[in-house]
N, C-alpha and C. Protein backbone atom coordinates (compact mmCIF):
# COMPACT_ATOMS: atom_id res chain seq x y z
N MET A 1 24.60 39.83 -76.79
CA MET A 1 23.52 39.93 -77.34
C MET A 1 23.40 41.04 -78.15
N LYS A 2 24.74 40.66 -79.18
CA LYS A 2 25.24 41.94 -80.63
C LYS A 2 23.63 42.17 -81.87
N GLY A 3 23.79 42.90 -81.44
CA GLY A 3 22.17 43.76 -82.39
C GLY A 3 21.11 43.87 -81.37
N HIS A 4 21.26 43.51 -80.31
CA HIS A 4 19.77 44.19 -78.63
C HIS A 4 19.98 45.20 -78.42
N ALA A 5 19.00 46.24 -78.48
CA ALA A 5 18.72 47.38 -77.78
C ALA A 5 18.67 47.03 -75.84
N VAL A 6 19.55 47.88 -74.79
CA VAL A 6 19.43 47.65 -73.30
C VAL A 6 17.75 47.05 -73.60
N SER A 7 17.42 47.97 -74.27
CA SER A 7 15.44 47.53 -73.38
C SER A 7 14.94 45.93 -74.06
N GLU A 8 16.17 45.47 -74.61
CA GLU A 8 15.05 44.28 -75.15
C GLU A 8 16.03 42.87 -74.20
N LYS A 9 16.55 43.40 -73.22
CA LYS A 9 18.01 42.01 -72.82
C LYS A 9 16.37 41.52 -72.24
N PRO A 10 17.05 39.88 -72.27
CA PRO A 10 16.04 38.98 -71.62
C PRO A 10 16.40 39.01 -69.89
N LYS A 11 14.72 38.62 -69.64
CA LYS A 11 14.24 38.03 -67.98
C LYS A 11 14.68 37.38 -67.89
N ILE A 12 15.21 37.33 -66.30
CA ILE A 12 15.78 36.10 -66.29
C ILE A 12 14.81 35.05 -66.29
N ARG A 13 13.45 35.12 -65.79
CA ARG A 13 12.99 33.93 -66.02
C ARG A 13 12.84 33.52 -67.08
N ASP A 14 12.54 34.22 -68.29
CA ASP A 14 12.81 33.40 -70.41
C ASP A 14 14.51 32.70 -70.04
N LEU A 15 15.49 33.05 -69.77
CA LEU A 15 17.31 32.89 -69.49
C LEU A 15 16.82 31.54 -68.65
N LEU A 16 15.68 31.38 -67.77
CA LEU A 16 16.04 30.22 -66.36
C LEU A 16 14.86 28.80 -67.38
N ASN A 17 13.79 29.43 -68.37
CA ASN A 17 12.68 28.12 -68.57
C ASN A 17 13.57 27.07 -70.14
N GLU A 18 14.31 26.05 -69.97
CA GLU A 18 14.57 25.44 -70.64
C GLU A 18 13.99 24.32 -71.40
N SER A 19 12.93 25.10 -71.90
CA SER A 19 11.96 24.17 -72.64
C SER A 19 12.13 22.49 -72.84
N ALA A 20 13.75 22.38 -72.96
CA ALA A 20 13.63 20.98 -73.85
C ALA A 20 14.06 19.95 -72.80
N CYS A 21 14.38 20.64 -71.77
CA CYS A 21 14.03 19.49 -70.20
C CYS A 21 13.02 18.41 -70.11
N GLU A 22 12.63 17.88 -69.77
CA GLU A 22 11.13 16.77 -69.74
C GLU A 22 10.59 17.57 -68.13
N HIS A 23 11.64 17.66 -66.79
CA HIS A 23 10.81 17.94 -65.99
C HIS A 23 10.36 19.39 -65.93
N ASN A 24 10.83 20.73 -67.45
CA ASN A 24 10.93 21.78 -66.40
C ASN A 24 9.38 22.41 -65.75
N ASP A 25 8.77 21.31 -66.88
CA ASP A 25 6.73 22.42 -66.16
C ASP A 25 6.56 20.80 -65.41
N THR A 26 6.78 20.22 -64.47
CA THR A 26 6.38 19.90 -63.53
C THR A 26 5.90 20.25 -62.19
N LYS A 27 5.34 20.53 -61.31
CA LYS A 27 5.41 21.43 -60.52
C LYS A 27 7.00 20.39 -59.18
N LYS A 28 7.27 21.87 -58.74
CA LYS A 28 7.81 20.79 -57.60
C LYS A 28 7.48 20.38 -56.15
N LYS A 29 8.14 19.63 -55.50
CA LYS A 29 7.71 19.10 -54.59
C LYS A 29 7.49 20.09 -53.10
N ALA A 30 6.82 20.45 -52.46
CA ALA A 30 6.73 21.35 -51.32
C ALA A 30 7.69 19.98 -50.20
N CYS A 31 8.55 20.68 -49.26
CA CYS A 31 8.58 19.85 -47.99
C CYS A 31 7.83 20.13 -47.33
N ASN A 32 7.47 18.52 -46.67
CA ASN A 32 6.79 18.18 -45.55
C ASN A 32 6.36 18.98 -44.39
N THR A 33 4.61 19.57 -43.79
CA THR A 33 4.64 20.36 -43.32
C THR A 33 4.49 19.08 -42.02
N THR A 34 5.39 19.65 -40.42
CA THR A 34 5.13 19.19 -39.36
C THR A 34 3.77 19.56 -38.93
N THR A 35 3.68 18.53 -38.20
CA THR A 35 2.45 18.54 -37.14
C THR A 35 2.56 18.82 -35.68
N PRO A 36 2.02 19.73 -35.50
CA PRO A 36 2.65 20.62 -33.98
C PRO A 36 1.76 19.32 -32.72
N GLY A 37 2.95 18.70 -32.14
CA GLY A 37 2.76 17.93 -30.61
C GLY A 37 3.64 16.47 -31.65
N ALA A 38 4.05 16.49 -33.35
CA ALA A 38 4.27 15.08 -33.12
C ALA A 38 5.85 15.01 -33.17
N THR A 39 6.47 15.85 -32.95
CA THR A 39 7.88 16.15 -32.36
C THR A 39 8.31 16.51 -31.02
N SER A 40 9.40 16.33 -30.90
CA SER A 40 9.47 17.17 -28.93
C SER A 40 10.11 17.91 -29.02
N GLY A 41 9.57 19.20 -28.86
CA GLY A 41 10.39 20.15 -28.92
C GLY A 41 10.40 20.99 -29.83
N GLY A 42 10.42 22.49 -30.69
CA GLY A 42 10.17 22.45 -31.63
C GLY A 42 10.17 23.89 -31.18
N CYS A 43 10.33 25.04 -29.16
CA CYS A 43 10.48 26.14 -29.75
C CYS A 43 11.85 26.51 -29.70
N ALA A 44 11.38 27.89 -29.88
CA ALA A 44 12.60 28.75 -29.63
C ALA A 44 13.53 28.32 -28.19
N PHE A 45 13.15 28.34 -27.30
CA PHE A 45 14.04 28.07 -25.88
C PHE A 45 15.14 26.36 -25.97
N GLU A 46 14.06 25.79 -27.24
CA GLU A 46 14.63 24.48 -27.17
C GLU A 46 15.97 24.36 -27.79
N GLY A 47 15.95 25.48 -28.95
CA GLY A 47 17.01 25.12 -30.04
C GLY A 47 17.95 25.94 -29.17
N ALA A 48 17.88 26.89 -28.71
CA ALA A 48 18.35 28.08 -27.23
C ALA A 48 19.49 26.93 -26.01
N GLN A 49 18.30 26.08 -26.04
CA GLN A 49 19.11 25.76 -24.37
C GLN A 49 20.68 24.58 -24.77
N ILE A 50 19.43 23.70 -26.68
CA ILE A 50 20.82 22.55 -27.12
C ILE A 50 22.17 23.37 -26.92
N SER A 51 21.84 24.28 -27.61
CA SER A 51 23.14 25.23 -28.16
C SER A 51 24.15 25.49 -27.44
N LEU A 52 23.23 25.83 -25.93
CA LEU A 52 24.47 25.72 -24.87
C LEU A 52 24.80 24.28 -23.84
N PHE A 53 24.18 23.55 -23.96
CA PHE A 53 24.76 22.33 -22.89
C PHE A 53 26.14 21.73 -23.60
N PRO A 54 26.57 21.61 -24.83
CA PRO A 54 28.07 21.72 -24.09
C PRO A 54 28.62 22.83 -23.59
N TYR A 55 28.37 23.00 -22.98
CA TYR A 55 28.41 24.19 -21.77
C TYR A 55 28.51 23.39 -20.37
N ALA A 56 29.16 23.15 -20.14
CA ALA A 56 28.73 22.05 -19.10
C ALA A 56 29.41 23.02 -17.43
N ASP A 57 30.20 23.67 -17.82
CA ASP A 57 30.66 24.32 -16.21
C ASP A 57 30.06 25.43 -15.88
N ALA A 58 29.11 25.59 -16.89
CA ALA A 58 28.58 26.73 -16.66
C ALA A 58 26.58 26.92 -16.12
N ALA A 59 25.96 27.69 -15.57
CA ALA A 59 24.93 27.00 -14.81
C ALA A 59 24.43 28.53 -15.81
N HIS A 60 23.07 27.55 -16.36
CA HIS A 60 22.52 28.23 -17.34
C HIS A 60 21.38 28.23 -16.70
N LEU A 61 20.63 30.01 -16.54
CA LEU A 61 19.61 30.57 -15.89
C LEU A 61 18.56 31.33 -17.37
N VAL A 62 17.64 30.22 -16.57
CA VAL A 62 16.44 30.71 -17.65
C VAL A 62 15.54 31.63 -17.43
N HIS A 63 15.99 32.76 -17.95
CA HIS A 63 14.92 34.19 -17.47
C HIS A 63 13.25 34.06 -18.10
N GLY A 64 12.83 32.84 -17.10
CA GLY A 64 10.59 33.36 -18.03
C GLY A 64 10.18 31.82 -17.06
N PRO A 65 9.11 31.88 -17.24
CA PRO A 65 7.93 30.19 -17.21
C PRO A 65 8.62 29.10 -16.65
N LEU A 66 8.74 28.73 -15.57
CA LEU A 66 8.69 27.39 -15.08
C LEU A 66 8.60 26.16 -15.86
N THR A 67 7.63 26.40 -15.97
CA THR A 67 6.89 25.97 -17.35
C THR A 67 7.68 24.98 -18.75
N CYS A 68 8.95 25.92 -19.04
CA CYS A 68 9.00 26.82 -19.56
C CYS A 68 10.57 25.51 -19.69
N LEU A 69 11.15 25.61 -18.48
CA LEU A 69 12.17 24.75 -18.15
C LEU A 69 12.25 23.96 -18.00
N SER A 70 10.85 23.34 -16.81
CA SER A 70 11.06 22.16 -16.07
C SER A 70 10.04 21.35 -17.45
N SER A 71 9.82 20.96 -18.61
CA SER A 71 8.92 20.36 -18.97
C SER A 71 10.39 20.30 -20.26
N SER A 72 10.72 20.61 -20.91
CA SER A 72 11.71 20.38 -21.39
C SER A 72 13.69 20.07 -21.33
N TRP A 73 13.96 20.43 -20.27
CA TRP A 73 15.08 20.13 -19.29
C TRP A 73 15.45 18.39 -19.28
N GLU A 74 16.73 18.54 -20.22
CA GLU A 74 16.77 16.91 -20.03
C GLU A 74 16.09 16.06 -20.64
N THR A 75 15.99 16.33 -21.95
CA THR A 75 15.40 16.07 -22.44
C THR A 75 16.11 15.71 -24.22
N ARG A 76 17.31 16.44 -23.89
CA ARG A 76 18.06 15.57 -25.12
C ARG A 76 19.69 15.50 -24.30
N ALA A 77 20.04 14.25 -24.95
CA ALA A 77 21.96 14.02 -24.07
C ALA A 77 22.58 14.43 -25.27
N THR A 78 22.52 15.95 -25.02
CA THR A 78 24.00 16.18 -25.66
C THR A 78 24.99 16.32 -25.15
N PRO A 79 26.12 16.23 -25.26
CA PRO A 79 27.20 15.38 -24.84
C PRO A 79 28.49 16.25 -24.64
N THR A 80 29.59 16.81 -23.48
CA THR A 80 29.89 17.50 -23.29
C THR A 80 31.70 16.77 -22.96
N SER A 81 32.39 17.34 -23.36
CA SER A 81 33.96 16.91 -22.84
C SER A 81 34.46 17.18 -21.62
N TYR A 82 33.67 18.10 -20.47
CA TYR A 82 34.10 18.96 -19.35
C TYR A 82 34.31 17.28 -18.28
N GLU A 83 35.39 17.93 -17.91
CA GLU A 83 35.78 16.61 -17.16
C GLU A 83 35.42 17.04 -15.32
N GLY A 84 34.76 17.80 -15.05
CA GLY A 84 34.41 18.70 -14.03
C GLY A 84 32.85 18.14 -13.62
N ARG A 85 31.81 18.66 -12.44
CA ARG A 85 30.89 19.11 -12.54
C ARG A 85 29.65 18.76 -13.42
N ASP A 86 29.34 18.32 -14.38
CA ASP A 86 28.02 18.91 -15.02
C ASP A 86 27.27 19.24 -14.44
N LEU A 87 27.04 20.65 -15.29
CA LEU A 87 25.83 22.03 -14.48
C LEU A 87 24.49 21.38 -15.69
N THR A 88 24.94 20.99 -16.26
CA THR A 88 23.15 20.93 -17.56
C THR A 88 22.64 19.68 -17.31
N GLN A 89 22.83 19.63 -16.64
CA GLN A 89 21.46 18.34 -15.47
C GLN A 89 21.02 19.04 -14.12
N MET A 90 21.08 20.16 -14.19
CA MET A 90 20.23 21.65 -13.01
C MET A 90 19.69 22.31 -13.81
N GLY A 91 18.72 22.62 -13.68
CA GLY A 91 17.98 24.18 -14.23
C GLY A 91 17.98 24.73 -13.28
N PHE A 92 18.16 25.85 -14.08
CA PHE A 92 17.95 27.91 -13.17
C PHE A 92 16.67 28.30 -13.92
N SER A 93 16.20 28.48 -12.97
CA SER A 93 14.51 29.86 -13.91
C SER A 93 14.20 30.84 -13.02
N THR A 94 14.40 32.43 -13.35
CA THR A 94 13.93 32.82 -12.17
C THR A 94 12.30 33.03 -12.42
N ALA A 95 11.31 31.86 -12.94
CA ALA A 95 10.08 31.78 -12.63
C ALA A 95 9.11 32.41 -13.09
N VAL A 96 9.54 33.37 -14.51
CA VAL A 96 8.30 33.89 -14.13
C VAL A 96 7.10 33.73 -14.70
N THR A 97 6.48 34.56 -13.75
CA THR A 97 4.82 34.49 -14.21
C THR A 97 4.07 35.30 -15.05
N THR A 98 3.07 34.67 -15.22
CA THR A 98 2.20 35.89 -15.89
C THR A 98 1.19 37.27 -15.42
N ASN A 99 1.99 36.78 -14.13
CA ASN A 99 1.01 37.83 -13.18
C ASN A 99 2.20 39.11 -13.03
N ASP A 100 3.86 38.40 -13.04
CA ASP A 100 4.97 38.59 -13.40
C ASP A 100 4.64 40.11 -14.57
N VAL A 101 4.30 39.37 -15.42
CA VAL A 101 4.18 40.15 -16.97
C VAL A 101 3.42 41.14 -17.13
N ILE A 102 2.71 40.89 -16.45
CA ILE A 102 1.76 42.20 -16.17
C ILE A 102 1.28 43.21 -15.43
N PHE A 103 1.54 43.17 -14.22
CA PHE A 103 1.80 43.16 -12.87
C PHE A 103 3.66 44.63 -12.90
N GLY A 104 4.54 43.76 -13.22
CA GLY A 104 5.47 43.49 -12.59
C GLY A 104 6.21 43.13 -11.36
N GLY A 105 6.56 42.63 -11.18
CA GLY A 105 7.07 41.95 -10.16
C GLY A 105 9.24 41.40 -9.93
């Protein structure tokens, strides 16, 4: 940048403008928005559950509502190499209710 003052540096946006490319001015396509209920799961609990399923020799105790556990347990066939008793087929929950959260329990 010989002959340019520091304040005259081009902006990054200007450097990325490739006017010679025909696709430069076209609008980029966005990812498709998911439809609620169209896929199984999708909550943070299910993501955590799937990551724990390979640990079949441990009892996974869910501290939360029973509905979270019972509606999504055993919905994914996550394989494990553990040869002992596979505890992922059993769901353990503290069965916290709304009253427990509001009034303590």
